[in-house]
Amino acid sequence: MNAERKPVYDPQQLEPLLISRQHAGDVDGMIALFEPDAVIDRGGGRLLRGREAIRGYYVEIVASGRKFAVGEQQPALICGDLALTSTRLPDGDVTSEVARRQGDGSWLWVIDRYSVT
């Protein structure tokens, strides 16, 4: 396992890793940040459920050349084995995500909502 694929032991690192892996075209690395049954809410009632659906979407994004924007990440709010993460994007949208601590102490996203504004 290379250094970029080590488990994430701080939920604050999920967002920066997703962006860096997306910019590098590393779809497998992006998918590795989500639990197998994770849900992404893309807005407008468009939900992606599970890693295969998420993979298909990220393959399309990487192929399009579109790059995720780097925003102002807020401190994670942690309660036991759950963490709420969020980022204000340059266009004013705010993302929100729920991560869950895994049995080995690492964190993976369970829910990702692209825009709460």
C-alpha atoms as a PDB file:
ATOM      1  CA  MET A   1       0.000   0.000   0.000  1.00  0.00           C
ATOM      2  CA  ASN A   2       1.478   3.361  -0.950  1.00  0.00           C
ATOM      3  CA  ALA A   3       1.540   6.323   1.420  1.00  0.00           C
ATOM      4  CA  GLU A   4      -1.503   7.916  -0.202  1.00  0.00           C
ATOM      5  CA  ARG A   5      -3.647   4.853   0.496  1.00  0.00           C
ATOM      6  CA  LYS A   6      -2.983   4.513   4.207  1.00  0.00           C
ATOM      7  CA  PRO A   7      -6.123   4.492   6.375  1.00  0.00           C
ATOM      8  CA  VAL A   8      -7.421   7.919   7.381  1.00  0.00           C
ATOM      9  CA  TYR A   9      -7.310   8.347  11.166  1.00  0.00           C
ATOM     10  CA  ASP A  10      -8.613  11.936  11.202  1.00  0.00           C
ATOM     11  CA  PRO A  11     -11.969  12.706   9.535  1.00  0.00           C
ATOM     12  CA  GLN A  12     -10.592  16.150   8.584  1.00  0.00           C
ATOM     13  CA  GLN A  13      -8.288  14.403   6.102  1.00  0.00           C
ATOM     14  CA  LEU A  14     -11.075  12.823   4.030  1.00  0.00           C
ATOM     15  CA  GLU A  15     -11.908  15.988   2.047  1.00  0.00           C
ATOM     16  CA  PRO A  16      -8.314  16.952   1.152  1.00  0.00           C
ATOM     17  CA  LEU A  17      -7.609  13.356   0.126  1.00  0.00           C
ATOM     18  CA  LEU A  18     -10.732  13.196  -2.044  1.00  0.00           C
ATOM     19  CA  ILE A  19      -9.705  16.391  -3.838  1.00  0.00           C
ATOM     20  CA  SER A  20      -6.066  15.386  -4.324  1.00  0.00           C
ATOM     21  CA  ARG A  21      -7.039  11.942  -5.590  1.00  0.00           C
ATOM     22  CA  GLN A  22      -9.648  13.430  -7.924  1.00  0.00           C
ATOM     23  CA  HIS A  23      -7.124  15.916  -9.313  1.00  0.00           C
ATOM     24  CA  ALA A  24      -4.726  12.982  -9.871  1.00  0.00           C
ATOM     25  CA  GLY A  25      -7.423  10.932 -11.631  1.00  0.00           C
ATOM     26  CA  ASP A  26      -7.293   8.241  -8.900  1.00  0.00           C
ATOM     27  CA  VAL A  27     -10.883   6.953  -8.918  1.00  0.00           C
ATOM     28  CA  ASP A  28     -10.018   3.861  -6.845  1.00  0.00           C
ATOM     29  CA  GLY A  29      -8.426   6.118  -4.230  1.00  0.00           C
ATOM     30  CA  MET A  30     -11.561   8.272  -4.167  1.00  0.00           C
ATOM     31  CA  ILE A  31     -13.834   5.258  -3.708  1.00  0.00           C
ATOM     32  CA  ALA A  32     -11.603   3.962  -0.889  1.00  0.00           C
ATOM     33  CA  LEU A  33     -12.733   6.938   1.247  1.00  0.00           C
ATOM     34  CA  PHE A  34     -16.335   5.660   1.388  1.00  0.00           C
ATOM     35  CA  GLU A  35     -18.015   2.769   3.177  1.00  0.00           C
ATOM     36  CA  PRO A  36     -19.367   0.084   0.801  1.00  0.00           C
ATOM     37  CA  ASP A  37     -23.011   1.229   1.231  1.00  0.00           C
ATOM     38  CA  ALA A  38     -22.324   4.980   1.323  1.00  0.00           C
ATOM     39  CA  VAL A  39     -24.805   7.467  -0.136  1.00  0.00           C
ATOM     40  CA  ILE A  40     -23.994  10.639  -2.067  1.00  0.00           C
ATOM     41  CA  ASP A  41     -26.695  13.265  -2.541  1.00  0.00           C
ATOM     42  CA  ARG A  42     -25.788  15.172  -5.709  1.00  0.00           C
ATOM     43  CA  GLY A  43     -28.798  17.469  -5.326  1.00  0.00           C
ATOM     44  CA  GLY A  44     -32.076  17.587  -7.191  1.00  0.00           C
ATOM     45  CA  GLY A  45     -33.088  14.152  -5.899  1.00  0.00           C
ATOM     46  CA  ARG A  46     -30.081  12.469  -7.511  1.00  0.00           C
ATOM     47  CA  LEU A  47     -28.739   9.912  -5.039  1.00  0.00           C
ATOM     48  CA  LEU A  48     -25.836   7.547  -5.569  1.00  0.00           C
ATOM     49  CA  ARG A  49     -25.936   4.429  -3.379  1.00  0.00           C
ATOM     50  CA  GLY A  50     -22.981   2.120  -2.921  1.00  0.00           C
ATOM     51  CA  ARG A  51     -19.427   2.121  -4.170  1.00  0.00           C
ATOM     52  CA  GLU A  52     -20.242   0.910  -7.685  1.00  0.00           C
ATOM     53  CA  ALA A  53     -22.670   3.771  -8.328  1.00  0.00           C
ATOM     54  CA  ILE A  54     -20.213   6.236  -6.794  1.00  0.00           C
ATOM     55  CA  ARG A  55     -17.399   4.765  -8.893  1.00  0.00           C
ATOM     56  CA  GLY A  56     -19.384   5.237 -12.105  1.00  0.00           C
ATOM     57  CA  TYR A  57     -20.025   8.876 -11.270  1.00  0.00           C
ATOM     58  CA  TYR A  58     -16.388   9.580 -10.374  1.00  0.00           C
ATOM     59  CA  VAL A  59     -15.174   7.865 -13.548  1.00  0.00           C
ATOM     60  CA  GLU A  60     -17.362  10.301 -15.526  1.00  0.00           C
ATOM     61  CA  ILE A  61     -16.071  13.318 -13.590  1.00  0.00           C
ATOM     62  CA  VAL A  62     -12.416  12.341 -14.027  1.00  0.00           C
ATOM     63  CA  ALA A  63     -12.955  11.624 -17.735  1.00  0.00           C
ATOM     64  CA  SER A  64     -14.585  15.060 -18.193  1.00  0.00           C
ATOM     65  CA  GLY A  65     -11.491  16.812 -16.825  1.00  0.00           C
ATOM     66  CA  ARG A  66     -13.565  18.711 -14.269  1.00  0.00           C
ATOM     67  CA  LYS A  67     -11.659  19.377 -11.043  1.00  0.00           C
ATOM     68  CA  PHE A  68     -13.219  19.625  -7.602  1.00  0.00           C
ATOM     69  CA  ALA A  69     -12.771  23.054  -6.041  1.00  0.00           C
ATOM     70  CA  VAL A  70     -10.763  23.501  -2.874  1.00  0.00           C
ATOM     71  CA  GLY A  71     -12.827  25.282  -0.255  1.00  0.00           C
ATOM     72  CA  GLU A  72     -12.657  26.383   3.360  1.00  0.00           C
ATOM     73  CA  GLN A  73     -13.023  23.243   5.440  1.00  0.00           C
ATOM     74  CA  GLN A  74     -14.703  23.625   8.812  1.00  0.00           C
ATOM     75  CA  PRO A  75     -13.504  21.702  11.892  1.00  0.00           C
ATOM     76  CA  ALA A  76     -15.061  18.244  12.144  1.00  0.00           C
ATOM     77  CA  LEU A  77     -17.737  17.790  14.783  1.00  0.00           C
ATOM     78  CA  ILE A  78     -17.058  14.393  16.359  1.00  0.00           C
ATOM     79  CA  CYS A  79     -19.420  12.450  18.607  1.00  0.00           C
ATOM     80  CA  GLY A  80     -18.226   8.944  19.432  1.00  0.00           C
ATOM     81  CA  ASP A  81     -17.838   7.026  16.190  1.00  0.00           C
ATOM     82  CA  LEU A  82     -19.529   9.657  13.994  1.00  0.00           C
ATOM     83  CA  ALA A  83     -18.109  12.861  12.546  1.00  0.00           C
ATOM     84  CA  LEU A  84     -19.781  15.690  10.633  1.00  0.00           C
ATOM     85  CA  THR A  85     -17.476  17.370   8.143  1.00  0.00           C
ATOM     86  CA  SER A  86     -18.253  20.344   5.931  1.00  0.00           C
ATOM     87  CA  THR A  87     -16.614  22.706   3.482  1.00  0.00           C
ATOM     88  CA  ARG A  88     -17.625  26.102   2.095  1.00  0.00           C
ATOM     89  CA  LEU A  89     -16.767  26.061  -1.599  1.00  0.00           C
ATOM     90  CA  PRO A  90     -15.562  29.125  -3.527  1.00  0.00           C
ATOM     91  CA  ASP A  91     -19.017  29.492  -5.173  1.00  0.00           C
ATOM     92  CA  GLY A  92     -20.668  29.722  -1.732  1.00  0.00           C
ATOM     93  CA  ASP A  93     -22.097  26.200  -1.656  1.00  0.00           C
ATOM     94  CA  VAL A  94     -21.523  24.219   1.524  1.00  0.00           C
ATOM     95  CA  THR A  95     -20.921  20.480   1.496  1.00  0.00           C
ATOM     96  CA  SER A  96     -21.727  18.236   4.443  1.00  0.00           C
ATOM     97  CA  GLU A  97     -20.551  14.709   5.092  1.00  0.00           C
ATOM     98  CA  VAL A  98     -20.958  12.096   7.800  1.00  0.00           C
ATOM     99  CA  ALA A  99     -17.991   9.833   8.489  1.00  0.00           C
ATOM    100  CA  ARG A 100     -17.954   6.751  10.682  1.00  0.00           C
ATOM    101  CA  ARG A 101     -15.022   5.415  12.673  1.00  0.00           C
ATOM    102  CA  GLN A 102     -14.150   1.910  11.502  1.00  0.00           C
ATOM    103  CA  GLY A 103     -13.097  -1.029  13.693  1.00  0.00           C
ATOM    104  CA  ASP A 104      -9.410  -0.255  13.103  1.00  0.00           C
ATOM    105  CA  GLY A 105      -9.847   3.371  14.182  1.00  0.00           C
ATOM    106  CA  SER A 106      -9.825   4.782  10.645  1.00  0.00           C
ATOM    107  CA  TRP A 107     -12.622   6.941   9.208  1.00  0.00           C
ATOM    108  CA  LEU A 108     -14.752   6.509   6.061  1.00  0.00           C
ATOM    109  CA  TRP A 109     -17.602   8.585   4.726  1.00  0.00           C
ATOM    110  CA  VAL A 110     -21.115   7.168   4.970  1.00  0.00           C
ATOM    111  CA  ILE A 111     -23.115  10.154   3.674  1.00  0.00           C
ATOM    112  CA  ASP A 112     -21.995  12.970   1.393  1.00  0.00           C
ATOM    113  CA  ARG A 113     -24.297  15.887   0.493  1.00  0.00           C
ATOM    114  CA  TYR A 114     -22.745  18.123  -2.156  1.00  0.00           C
ATOM    115  CA  SER A 115     -24.736  21.219  -1.280  1.00  0.00           C
ATOM    116  CA  VAL A 116     -26.783  22.219   1.751  1.00  0.00           C
ATOM    117  CA  THR A 117     -27.396  25.769   0.565  1.00  0.00           C
END
